[in-house]
Amino acid sequence: MTADELAGELEVSARTVLRDIDALSTAGVPVYADRGRRGGFSLLPGFRTELTGLNHDEALALLTAGSGRGEKVFGLSTALASAMRKVVDALPEGHRANLDDAARRFLVEPETDLLSRRLTTEDMADGVMSEVRHALLTGHKLRFDYAAPDKKPRSHTVDPIGLVTVRDRTYLLAAKAGEDRTYRLSRMLTAEELPELAERPAQVDLDRIWAERSAQFLSENHIPVLVRVAPSRREELLNAARAVRAEESEADGWARLDVTFEDLRHAVWAIWQLDTAAEVLAPDSLRLALHDRAKILAARYEISRG
């Protein structure tokens, strides 16, 4: 293929193609040029890259980790698929023979669990993830329109620090005017990388930062609830709660949990789904709200037995 043909195929400039051809040659890849009207760049027939030292189980671990819903993390599914193909192609023939079949026998995070409950995923506006990711990796400021719950969209300009994915929700850890901020990417309506460099430390410990912000998140604008729940409905409660502070088992097999919800309405909704398999111990405001709802429904569906 000519440089112009390669540029069109790869959606880059011909100058970039020529620069990359030089880099490949320097790295030992046998790319050569044929001059003339029918000339162009060619790769030595039969050439394969090699991954030295990668055994069957190591390759299987890579393919399994990149399978299923995990491939959508941070919007890198296309890059991951390409990388997995390269891993397989670069393996010795003996390893490639049964690796594809072996990888199909592992399933990571299917879309439904054993109870046929579909796992929820958050949709993001087109282009948001790529802009956020690029600004983060290049160290530039980021501007986006953000729609917080029950509030009008607002524009924010921040210094991106890191991306964290938890239970299929992706968060941007950032600083705004020197203050720590956390944003959910699904609530970003638009995103734009800015030319200005971000003001952020050169080194980052995302584990520590996430732990600190999680602790702060639990202490602000949330309602703590102490609740007993039957073991058969425990997972439903955990999925509905925003966080779990503590848990212990009781003599009757039920679990006592200290959880948090966004607000009273959220708590009423979550506990109500559990029917008689849960009992709120505190706070009294939640117990009263559940009592009032039950009283209204009891009166509505009362049937005369006379």
C-alpha atoms as a PDB file:
ATOM      1  CA  MET A   1       0.000   0.000   0.000  1.00  0.00           C
ATOM      2  CA  THR A   2       1.152   3.535  -0.674  1.00  0.00           C
ATOM      3  CA  ALA A   3       1.574   6.107   2.071  1.00  0.00           C
ATOM      4  CA  ASP A   4      -1.606   7.863   0.883  1.00  0.00           C
ATOM      5  CA  GLU A   5      -3.571   4.585   0.963  1.00  0.00           C
ATOM      6  CA  LEU A   6      -2.309   3.800   4.439  1.00  0.00           C
ATOM      7  CA  ALA A   7      -3.142   7.322   5.578  1.00  0.00           C
ATOM      8  CA  GLY A   8      -6.696   6.955   4.311  1.00  0.00           C
ATOM      9  CA  GLU A   9      -7.112   3.534   5.922  1.00  0.00           C
ATOM     10  CA  LEU A  10      -5.769   4.692   9.297  1.00  0.00           C
ATOM     11  CA  GLU A  11      -7.311   8.188   9.148  1.00  0.00           C
ATOM     12  CA  VAL A  12      -3.991   9.947   9.700  1.00  0.00           C
ATOM     13  CA  SER A  13      -1.748  12.105   7.536  1.00  0.00           C
ATOM     14  CA  ALA A  14       0.726  10.678   5.018  1.00  0.00           C
ATOM     15  CA  ARG A  15       3.473  12.361   7.026  1.00  0.00           C
ATOM     16  CA  THR A  16       2.435  10.369  10.092  1.00  0.00           C
ATOM     17  CA  VAL A  17       2.529   7.144   8.069  1.00  0.00           C
ATOM     18  CA  LEU A  18       6.091   7.840   6.901  1.00  0.00           C
ATOM     19  CA  ARG A  19       7.190   8.624  10.443  1.00  0.00           C
ATOM     20  CA  ASP A  20       5.614   5.409  11.742  1.00  0.00           C
ATOM     21  CA  ILE A  21       7.195   3.343   8.971  1.00  0.00           C
ATOM     22  CA  ASP A  22      10.601   4.642  10.072  1.00  0.00           C
ATOM     23  CA  ALA A  23       9.782   3.799  13.696  1.00  0.00           C
ATOM     24  CA  LEU A  24       8.747   0.244  12.743  1.00  0.00           C
ATOM     25  CA  SER A  25      11.948  -0.272  10.785  1.00  0.00           C
ATOM     26  CA  THR A  26      14.022   0.992  13.695  1.00  0.00           C
ATOM     27  CA  ALA A  27      12.200  -1.442  15.995  1.00  0.00           C
ATOM     28  CA  GLY A  28      13.176  -4.370  13.759  1.00  0.00           C
ATOM     29  CA  VAL A  29       9.858  -4.887  11.957  1.00  0.00           C
ATOM     30  CA  PRO A  30      10.679  -5.877   8.326  1.00  0.00           C
ATOM     31  CA  VAL A  31       8.775  -3.157   6.483  1.00  0.00           C
ATOM     32  CA  TYR A  32      10.247  -2.230   3.113  1.00  0.00           C
ATOM     33  CA  ALA A  33       9.396   0.096   0.211  1.00  0.00           C
ATOM     34  CA  ASP A  34       8.993  -0.761  -3.471  1.00  0.00           C
ATOM     35  CA  ARG A  35       9.443   2.249  -5.702  1.00  0.00           C
ATOM     36  CA  GLY A  36       7.687   2.859  -8.993  1.00  0.00           C
ATOM     37  CA  ARG A  37       4.157   3.350 -10.264  1.00  0.00           C
ATOM     38  CA  ARG A  38       2.875   0.167  -8.600  1.00  0.00           C
ATOM     39  CA  GLY A  39       5.086   0.482  -5.573  1.00  0.00           C
ATOM     40  CA  GLY A  40       4.305   1.014  -1.916  1.00  0.00           C
ATOM     41  CA  PHE A  41       5.141  -0.304   1.525  1.00  0.00           C
ATOM     42  CA  SER A  42       5.133  -4.024   2.236  1.00  0.00           C
ATOM     43  CA  LEU A  43       5.651  -6.312   5.206  1.00  0.00           C
ATOM     44  CA  LEU A  44       7.948  -9.292   4.824  1.00  0.00           C
ATOM     45  CA  PRO A  45       5.674 -12.320   4.142  1.00  0.00           C
ATOM     46  CA  GLY A  46       5.246 -14.672   7.109  1.00  0.00           C
ATOM     47  CA  PHE A  47       6.479 -12.134   9.675  1.00  0.00           C
ATOM     48  CA  ARG A  48       4.916 -12.479  13.153  1.00  0.00           C
ATOM     49  CA  THR A  49       5.599 -10.645  16.360  1.00  0.00           C
ATOM     50  CA  GLU A  50       6.459 -12.751  19.388  1.00  0.00           C
ATOM     51  CA  LEU A  51       5.484 -12.567  23.039  1.00  0.00           C
ATOM     52  CA  THR A  52       8.367 -14.332  24.722  1.00  0.00           C
ATOM     53  CA  GLY A  53       7.638 -16.077  28.003  1.00  0.00           C
ATOM     54  CA  LEU A  54       3.815 -15.826  27.805  1.00  0.00           C
ATOM     55  CA  ASN A  55       2.423 -19.254  28.655  1.00  0.00           C
ATOM     56  CA  HIS A  56      -1.041 -20.713  28.016  1.00  0.00           C
ATOM     57  CA  ASP A  57      -2.533 -19.814  31.415  1.00  0.00           C
ATOM     58  CA  GLU A  58      -1.194 -16.256  31.256  1.00  0.00           C
ATOM     59  CA  ALA A  59      -2.732 -15.716  27.832  1.00  0.00           C
ATOM     60  CA  LEU A  60      -6.003 -17.287  29.012  1.00  0.00           C
ATOM     61  CA  ALA A  61      -6.047 -14.904  31.979  1.00  0.00           C
ATOM     62  CA  LEU A  62      -5.713 -11.921  29.620  1.00  0.00           C
ATOM     63  CA  LEU A  63      -8.486 -13.144  27.323  1.00  0.00           C
ATOM     64  CA  THR A  64     -10.818 -13.912  30.230  1.00  0.00           C
ATOM     65  CA  ALA A  65     -10.213 -10.555  31.896  1.00  0.00           C
ATOM     66  CA  GLY A  66     -11.023  -8.844  28.618  1.00  0.00           C
ATOM     67  CA  SER A  67     -14.223 -10.783  27.978  1.00  0.00           C
ATOM     68  CA  GLY A  68     -17.847  -9.971  28.751  1.00  0.00           C
ATOM     69  CA  ARG A  69     -19.025  -6.656  30.087  1.00  0.00           C
ATOM     70  CA  GLY A  70     -15.589  -5.703  31.394  1.00  0.00           C
ATOM     71  CA  GLU A  71     -14.497  -4.710  27.876  1.00  0.00           C
ATOM     72  CA  LYS A  72     -16.632  -1.563  28.064  1.00  0.00           C
ATOM     73  CA  VAL A  73     -14.662  -0.085  30.964  1.00  0.00           C
ATOM     74  CA  PHE A  74     -13.436   3.456  30.244  1.00  0.00           C
ATOM     75  CA  GLY A  75     -14.604   3.205  26.633  1.00  0.00           C
ATOM     76  CA  LEU A  76     -11.653   1.048  25.580  1.00  0.00           C
ATOM     77  CA  SER A  77     -13.574  -1.895  24.084  1.00  0.00           C
ATOM     78  CA  THR A  78     -12.180  -1.391  20.555  1.00  0.00           C
ATOM     79  CA  ALA A  79      -8.606  -1.077  21.799  1.00  0.00           C
ATOM     80  CA  LEU A  80      -9.043  -4.113  24.033  1.00  0.00           C
ATOM     81  CA  ALA A  81     -10.408  -6.255  21.203  1.00  0.00           C
ATOM     82  CA  SER A  82      -7.440  -5.270  19.047  1.00  0.00           C
ATOM     83  CA  ALA A  83      -4.984  -6.050  21.850  1.00  0.00           C
ATOM     84  CA  MET A  84      -6.551  -9.468  22.440  1.00  0.00           C
ATOM     85  CA  ARG A  85      -6.207 -10.342  18.745  1.00  0.00           C
ATOM     86  CA  LYS A  86      -2.540  -9.381  18.877  1.00  0.00           C
ATOM     87  CA  VAL A  87      -2.008 -11.527  21.973  1.00  0.00           C
ATOM     88  CA  VAL A  88      -3.513 -14.572  20.264  1.00  0.00           C
ATOM     89  CA  ASP A  89      -1.653 -13.980  16.978  1.00  0.00           C
ATOM     90  CA  ALA A  90       1.672 -13.617  18.768  1.00  0.00           C
ATOM     91  CA  LEU A  91       1.382 -16.876  20.732  1.00  0.00           C
ATOM     92  CA  PRO A  92       3.260 -20.014  19.702  1.00  0.00           C
ATOM     93  CA  GLU A  93       1.195 -22.323  17.488  1.00  0.00           C
ATOM     94  CA  GLY A  94       0.866 -24.941  20.213  1.00  0.00           C
ATOM     95  CA  HIS A  95      -0.779 -22.463  22.587  1.00  0.00           C
ATOM     96  CA  ARG A  96      -3.128 -20.987  19.987  1.00  0.00           C
ATOM     97  CA  ALA A  97      -4.601 -24.387  19.123  1.00  0.00           C
ATOM     98  CA  ASN A  98      -6.995 -24.663  22.075  1.00  0.00           C
ATOM     99  CA  LEU A  99      -6.859 -21.212  23.635  1.00  0.00           C
ATOM    100  CA  ASP A 100      -9.934 -19.887  21.834  1.00  0.00           C
ATOM    101  CA  ASP A 101     -12.067 -22.805  23.033  1.00  0.00           C
ATOM    102  CA  ALA A 102     -10.712 -22.486  26.568  1.00  0.00           C
ATOM    103  CA  ALA A 103     -11.556 -18.765  26.754  1.00  0.00           C
ATOM    104  CA  ARG A 104     -15.163 -19.513  25.768  1.00  0.00           C
ATOM    105  CA  ARG A 105     -15.546 -21.677  28.866  1.00  0.00           C
ATOM    106  CA  PHE A 106     -15.176 -18.706  31.222  1.00  0.00           C
ATOM    107  CA  LEU A 107     -17.907 -16.071  31.537  1.00  0.00           C
ATOM    108  CA  VAL A 108     -17.205 -12.832  33.404  1.00  0.00           C
ATOM    109  CA  GLU A 109     -20.091 -10.689  34.733  1.00  0.00           C
ATOM    110  CA  PRO A 110     -22.998 -11.752  32.476  1.00  0.00           C
ATOM    111  CA  GLU A 111     -25.848  -9.335  31.921  1.00  0.00           C
ATOM    112  CA  THR A 112     -28.177 -11.272  34.252  1.00  0.00           C
ATOM    113  CA  ASP A 113     -27.623 -13.176  37.481  1.00  0.00           C
ATOM    114  CA  LEU A 114     -29.076 -16.551  38.516  1.00  0.00           C
ATOM    115  CA  LEU A 115     -32.346 -14.887  39.535  1.00  0.00           C
ATOM    116  CA  SER A 116     -32.734 -13.430  36.019  1.00  0.00           C
ATOM    117  CA  ARG A 117     -32.185  -9.890  37.307  1.00  0.00           C
ATOM    118  CA  ARG A 118     -30.593  -7.750  34.614  1.00  0.00           C
ATOM    119  CA  LEU A 119     -27.573  -5.815  35.731  1.00  0.00           C
ATOM    120  CA  THR A 120     -27.974  -2.111  35.180  1.00  0.00           C
ATOM    121  CA  THR A 121     -25.527  -0.132  33.062  1.00  0.00           C
ATOM    122  CA  GLU A 122     -25.265   3.601  32.742  1.00  0.00           C
ATOM    123  CA  ASP A 123     -25.518   5.256  29.364  1.00  0.00           C
ATOM    124  CA  MET A 124     -23.155   8.095  28.520  1.00  0.00           C
ATOM    125  CA  ALA A 125     -23.579  10.882  26.016  1.00  0.00           C
ATOM    126  CA  ASP A 126     -21.659  10.371  22.771  1.00  0.00           C
ATOM    127  CA  GLY A 127     -18.041  11.458  22.959  1.00  0.00           C
ATOM    128  CA  VAL A 128     -18.003  12.112  26.710  1.00  0.00           C
ATOM    129  CA  MET A 129     -15.790   9.194  27.702  1.00  0.00           C
ATOM    130  CA  SER A 130     -13.208   9.799  24.962  1.00  0.00           C
ATOM    131  CA  GLU A 131     -12.908  13.515  25.808  1.00  0.00           C
ATOM    132  CA  VAL A 132     -12.623  12.851  29.544  1.00  0.00           C
ATOM    133  CA  ARG A 133     -10.088  10.072  29.058  1.00  0.00           C
ATOM    134  CA  HIS A 134      -7.944  12.116  26.669  1.00  0.00           C
ATOM    135  CA  ALA A 135      -7.918  15.184  28.922  1.00  0.00           C
ATOM    136  CA  LEU A 136      -6.984  12.976  31.864  1.00  0.00           C
ATOM    137  CA  LEU A 137      -4.091  11.295  30.088  1.00  0.00           C
ATOM    138  CA  THR A 138      -2.717  14.458  28.458  1.00  0.00           C
ATOM    139  CA  GLY A 139      -2.989  16.462  31.673  1.00  0.00           C
ATOM    140  CA  HIS A 140      -5.304  19.145  30.300  1.00  0.00           C
ATOM    141  CA  LYS A 141      -8.237  20.903  31.887  1.00  0.00           C
ATOM    142  CA  LEU A 142     -11.732  19.609  31.135  1.00  0.00           C
ATOM    143  CA  ARG A 143     -14.987  21.498  30.654  1.00  0.00           C
ATOM    144  CA  PHE A 144     -18.369  19.767  30.719  1.00  0.00           C
ATOM    145  CA  ASP A 145     -22.080  20.344  31.254  1.00  0.00           C
ATOM    146  CA  TYR A 146     -23.334  18.361  34.233  1.00  0.00           C
ATOM    147  CA  ALA A 147     -26.914  17.495  35.209  1.00  0.00           C
ATOM    148  CA  ALA A 148     -27.065  16.649  38.925  1.00  0.00           C
ATOM    149  CA  PRO A 149     -30.312  15.049  40.201  1.00  0.00           C
ATOM    150  CA  ASP A 150     -33.205  17.517  40.454  1.00  0.00           C
ATOM    151  CA  LYS A 151     -30.989  20.418  39.363  1.00  0.00           C
ATOM    152  CA  LYS A 152     -30.537  22.385  36.173  1.00  0.00           C
ATOM    153  CA  PRO A 153     -27.429  21.506  34.099  1.00  0.00           C
ATOM    154  CA  ARG A 154     -24.352  23.555  34.953  1.00  0.00           C
ATOM    155  CA  SER A 155     -20.997  24.035  33.262  1.00  0.00           C
ATOM    156  CA  HIS A 156     -17.852  23.009  35.155  1.00  0.00           C
ATOM    157  CA  THR A 157     -14.162  23.436  34.385  1.00  0.00           C
ATOM    158  CA  VAL A 158     -11.965  21.047  36.369  1.00  0.00           C
ATOM    159  CA  ASP A 159      -8.510  19.528  36.669  1.00  0.00           C
ATOM    160  CA  PRO A 160      -8.979  15.759  36.054  1.00  0.00           C
ATOM    161  CA  ILE A 161      -7.133  13.428  38.425  1.00  0.00           C
ATOM    162  CA  GLY A 162      -8.390   9.909  37.751  1.00  0.00           C
ATOM    163  CA  LEU A 163     -11.221   7.634  36.589  1.00  0.00           C
ATOM    164  CA  VAL A 164     -12.802   5.006  38.840  1.00  0.00           C
ATOM    165  CA  THR A 165     -15.389   2.382  37.867  1.00  0.00           C
ATOM    166  CA  VAL A 166     -17.530   0.780  40.596  1.00  0.00           C
ATOM    167  CA  ARG A 167     -20.504  -1.497  39.841  1.00  0.00           C
ATOM    168  CA  ASP A 168     -20.660  -0.254  36.250  1.00  0.00           C
ATOM    169  CA  ARG A 169     -20.688   3.381  37.348  1.00  0.00           C
ATOM    170  CA  THR A 170     -17.759   5.490  36.221  1.00  0.00           C
ATOM    171  CA  TYR A 171     -16.640   8.504  38.221  1.00  0.00           C
ATOM    172  CA  LEU A 172     -14.210  11.303  37.440  1.00  0.00           C
ATOM    173  CA  LEU A 173     -12.074  12.378  40.376  1.00  0.00           C
ATOM    174  CA  ALA A 174     -11.095  15.980  39.830  1.00  0.00           C
ATOM    175  CA  ALA A 175     -10.222  19.276  41.471  1.00  0.00           C
ATOM    176  CA  LYS A 176     -12.147  22.496  40.910  1.00  0.00           C
ATOM    177  CA  ALA A 177     -10.542  25.709  42.116  1.00  0.00           C
ATOM    178  CA  GLY A 178      -8.406  23.598  44.437  1.00  0.00           C
ATOM    179  CA  GLU A 179     -11.395  21.746  45.962  1.00  0.00           C
ATOM    180  CA  ASP A 180     -11.934  17.992  45.629  1.00  0.00           C
ATOM    181  CA  ARG A 181     -14.828  17.050  43.345  1.00  0.00           C
ATOM    182  CA  THR A 182     -16.319  13.748  42.133  1.00  0.00           C
ATOM    183  CA  TYR A 183     -18.575  13.529  39.051  1.00  0.00           C
ATOM    184  CA  ARG A 184     -20.531  10.621  37.564  1.00  0.00           C
ATOM    185  CA  LEU A 185     -19.851  10.409  33.834  1.00  0.00           C
ATOM    186  CA  SER A 186     -23.412   9.353  33.000  1.00  0.00           C
ATOM    187  CA  ARG A 187     -24.571  12.789  34.205  1.00  0.00           C
ATOM    188  CA  MET A 188     -22.257  14.656  31.835  1.00  0.00           C
ATOM    189  CA  LEU A 189     -24.177  16.007  28.864  1.00  0.00           C
ATOM    190  CA  THR A 190     -21.114  17.244  26.969  1.00  0.00           C
ATOM    191  CA  ALA A 191     -17.360  17.225  27.553  1.00  0.00           C
ATOM    192  CA  GLU A 192     -14.499  19.165  25.997  1.00  0.00           C
ATOM    193  CA  GLU A 193     -10.764  18.942  26.534  1.00  0.00           C
ATOM    194  CA  LEU A 194      -9.217  22.406  26.919  1.00  0.00           C
ATOM    195  CA  PRO A 195      -5.718  23.439  25.809  1.00  0.00           C
ATOM    196  CA  GLU A 196      -4.736  24.686  29.279  1.00  0.00           C
ATOM    197  CA  LEU A 197      -2.673  22.333  31.428  1.00  0.00           C
ATOM    198  CA  ALA A 198      -4.383  20.920  34.502  1.00  0.00           C
ATOM    199  CA  GLU A 199      -3.129  21.877  37.951  1.00  0.00           C
ATOM    200  CA  ARG A 200      -2.584  18.535  39.649  1.00  0.00           C
ATOM    201  CA  PRO A 201       0.165  16.569  41.426  1.00  0.00           C
ATOM    202  CA  ALA A 202       2.578  14.587  39.281  1.00  0.00           C
ATOM    203  CA  GLN A 203       1.940  11.388  41.266  1.00  0.00           C
ATOM    204  CA  VAL A 204      -1.473  10.035  42.243  1.00  0.00           C
ATOM    205  CA  ASP A 205      -2.696   7.300  44.617  1.00  0.00           C
ATOM    206  CA  LEU A 206      -6.235   6.577  43.400  1.00  0.00           C
ATOM    207  CA  ASP A 207      -6.884   3.922  46.068  1.00  0.00           C
ATOM    208  CA  ARG A 208      -6.222   6.430  48.839  1.00  0.00           C
ATOM    209  CA  ILE A 209      -8.127   9.263  47.151  1.00  0.00           C
ATOM    210  CA  TRP A 210     -11.152   7.045  46.466  1.00  0.00           C
ATOM    211  CA  ALA A 211     -11.207   5.801  50.074  1.00  0.00           C
ATOM    212  CA  GLU A 212     -11.096   9.372  51.383  1.00  0.00           C
ATOM    213  CA  ARG A 213     -13.849  10.590  49.067  1.00  0.00           C
ATOM    214  CA  SER A 214     -16.003   7.556  49.823  1.00  0.00           C
ATOM    215  CA  ALA A 215     -15.774   8.320  53.544  1.00  0.00           C
ATOM    216  CA  GLN A 216     -16.701  11.953  52.898  1.00  0.00           C
ATOM    217  CA  PHE A 217     -19.563  10.915  50.625  1.00  0.00           C
ATOM    218  CA  LEU A 218     -21.035   8.687  53.347  1.00  0.00           C
ATOM    219  CA  SER A 219     -20.953  11.482  55.901  1.00  0.00           C
ATOM    220  CA  GLU A 220     -22.781  14.080  53.800  1.00  0.00           C
ATOM    221  CA  ASN A 221     -26.394  14.385  52.630  1.00  0.00           C
ATOM    222  CA  HIS A 222     -27.352  10.755  53.263  1.00  0.00           C
ATOM    223  CA  ILE A 223     -29.738   9.016  55.612  1.00  0.00           C
ATOM    224  CA  PRO A 224     -28.290   6.179  57.755  1.00  0.00           C
ATOM    225  CA  VAL A 225     -30.620   3.222  58.294  1.00  0.00           C
ATOM    226  CA  LEU A 226     -30.364   0.293  60.706  1.00  0.00           C
ATOM    227  CA  VAL A 227     -32.305  -2.630  59.266  1.00  0.00           C
ATOM    228  CA  ARG A 228     -32.840  -6.367  59.736  1.00  0.00           C
ATOM    229  CA  VAL A 229     -33.196  -8.415  56.564  1.00  0.00           C
ATOM    230  CA  ALA A 230     -33.875 -12.066  55.752  1.00  0.00           C
ATOM    231  CA  PRO A 231     -30.923 -13.852  54.114  1.00  0.00           C
ATOM    232  CA  SER A 232     -32.967 -14.503  50.947  1.00  0.00           C
ATOM    233  CA  ARG A 233     -33.380 -10.736  50.336  1.00  0.00           C
ATOM    234  CA  ARG A 234     -30.014  -9.483  51.605  1.00  0.00           C
ATOM    235  CA  GLU A 235     -28.539  -9.006  48.120  1.00  0.00           C
ATOM    236  CA  GLU A 236     -31.531  -6.908  47.049  1.00  0.00           C
ATOM    237  CA  LEU A 237     -30.961  -4.592  49.991  1.00  0.00           C
ATOM    238  CA  LEU A 238     -27.256  -4.299  49.245  1.00  0.00           C
ATOM    239  CA  ASN A 239     -27.969  -3.494  45.605  1.00  0.00           C
ATOM    240  CA  ALA A 240     -30.428  -0.746  46.567  1.00  0.00           C
ATOM    241  CA  ALA A 241     -28.344   0.868  49.319  1.00  0.00           C
ATOM    242  CA  ARG A 242     -25.765   3.510  48.530  1.00  0.00           C
ATOM    243  CA  ALA A 243     -23.258   2.102  51.036  1.00  0.00           C
ATOM    244  CA  VAL A 244     -22.885  -0.439  53.839  1.00  0.00           C
ATOM    245  CA  ARG A 245     -21.329   0.809  57.069  1.00  0.00           C
ATOM    246  CA  ALA A 246     -21.521  -2.392  59.119  1.00  0.00           C
ATOM    247  CA  GLU A 247     -23.079  -5.852  59.102  1.00  0.00           C
ATOM    248  CA  GLU A 248     -23.555  -8.629  61.654  1.00  0.00           C
ATOM    249  CA  SER A 249     -25.500 -11.890  61.829  1.00  0.00           C
ATOM    250  CA  GLU A 250     -28.351 -12.467  64.282  1.00  0.00           C
ATOM    251  CA  ALA A 251     -29.342 -15.684  66.044  1.00  0.00           C
ATOM    252  CA  ASP A 252     -32.380 -16.252  63.798  1.00  0.00           C
ATOM    253  CA  GLY A 253     -30.238 -16.151  60.643  1.00  0.00           C
ATOM    254  CA  TRP A 254     -31.259 -12.626  59.649  1.00  0.00           C
ATOM    255  CA  ALA A 255     -28.605  -9.984  59.027  1.00  0.00           C
ATOM    256  CA  ARG A 256     -28.463  -6.633  60.792  1.00  0.00           C
ATOM    257  CA  LEU A 257     -27.029  -3.960  58.536  1.00  0.00           C
ATOM    258  CA  ASP A 258     -26.119  -0.320  58.946  1.00  0.00           C
ATOM    259  CA  VAL A 259     -26.641   1.133  55.464  1.00  0.00           C
ATOM    260  CA  THR A 260     -27.115   4.530  53.869  1.00  0.00           C
ATOM    261  CA  PHE A 261     -29.620   5.804  51.309  1.00  0.00           C
ATOM    262  CA  GLU A 262     -29.706   9.054  49.356  1.00  0.00           C
ATOM    263  CA  ASP A 263     -32.720  10.409  51.225  1.00  0.00           C
ATOM    264  CA  LEU A 264     -35.937   9.363  52.980  1.00  0.00           C
ATOM    265  CA  ARG A 265     -37.799   8.772  49.713  1.00  0.00           C
ATOM    266  CA  HIS A 266     -35.057   6.478  48.449  1.00  0.00           C
ATOM    267  CA  ALA A 267     -35.040   4.557  51.748  1.00  0.00           C
ATOM    268  CA  VAL A 268     -38.826   4.087  51.734  1.00  0.00           C
ATOM    269  CA  TRP A 269     -38.739   2.824  48.164  1.00  0.00           C
ATOM    270  CA  ALA A 270     -35.890   0.359  48.820  1.00  0.00           C
ATOM    271  CA  ILE A 271     -37.278  -1.095  52.041  1.00  0.00           C
ATOM    272  CA  TRP A 272     -40.795  -1.357  50.620  1.00  0.00           C
ATOM    273  CA  GLN A 273     -39.533  -3.658  47.852  1.00  0.00           C
ATOM    274  CA  LEU A 274     -38.452  -6.188  50.480  1.00  0.00           C
ATOM    275  CA  ASP A 275     -41.995  -6.691  51.790  1.00  0.00           C
ATOM    276  CA  THR A 276     -42.018  -8.568  55.129  1.00  0.00           C
ATOM    277  CA  ALA A 277     -38.414  -9.757  54.680  1.00  0.00           C
ATOM    278  CA  ALA A 278     -37.018  -6.574  56.243  1.00  0.00           C
ATOM    279  CA  GLU A 279     -37.553  -4.563  59.433  1.00  0.00           C
ATOM    280  CA  VAL A 280     -36.277  -1.028  59.933  1.00  0.00           C
ATOM    281  CA  LEU A 281     -34.948  -0.451  63.440  1.00  0.00           C
ATOM    282  CA  ALA A 282     -33.928   3.183  62.966  1.00  0.00           C
ATOM    283  CA  PRO A 283     -34.505   6.012  62.280  1.00  0.00           C
ATOM    284  CA  ASP A 284     -38.032   6.641  63.540  1.00  0.00           C
ATOM    285  CA  SER A 285     -38.767   8.938  60.580  1.00  0.00           C
ATOM    286  CA  LEU A 286     -38.365   5.999  58.188  1.00  0.00           C
ATOM    287  CA  ARG A 287     -40.408   3.661  60.380  1.00  0.00           C
ATOM    288  CA  LEU A 288     -43.196   6.256  60.491  1.00  0.00           C
ATOM    289  CA  ALA A 289     -43.114   6.760  56.715  1.00  0.00           C
ATOM    290  CA  LEU A 290     -43.404   3.007  56.125  1.00  0.00           C
ATOM    291  CA  HIS A 291     -46.191   2.765  58.711  1.00  0.00           C
ATOM    292  CA  ASP A 292     -48.173   5.549  57.047  1.00  0.00           C
ATOM    293  CA  ARG A 293     -47.803   3.968  53.607  1.00  0.00           C
ATOM    294  CA  ALA A 294     -48.891   0.561  54.919  1.00  0.00           C
ATOM    295  CA  LYS A 295     -51.876   2.107  56.698  1.00  0.00           C
ATOM    296  CA  ILE A 296     -53.064   3.843  53.518  1.00  0.00           C
ATOM    297  CA  LEU A 297     -52.770   0.647  51.466  1.00  0.00           C
ATOM    298  CA  ALA A 298     -54.464  -1.438  54.160  1.00  0.00           C
ATOM    299  CA  ALA A 299     -57.432   0.923  54.127  1.00  0.00           C
ATOM    300  CA  ARG A 300     -57.539   0.980  50.319  1.00  0.00           C
ATOM    301  CA  TYR A 301     -57.664  -2.801  49.994  1.00  0.00           C
ATOM    302  CA  GLU A 302     -59.798  -3.577  53.015  1.00  0.00           C
ATOM    303  CA  ILE A 303     -62.578  -6.067  52.216  1.00  0.00           C
ATOM    304  CA  SER A 304     -65.651  -6.462  54.352  1.00  0.00           C
ATOM    305  CA  ARG A 305     -65.860  -9.938  55.892  1.00  0.00           C
ATOM    306  CA  GLY A 306     -69.536  -9.635  56.854  1.00  0.00           C
END
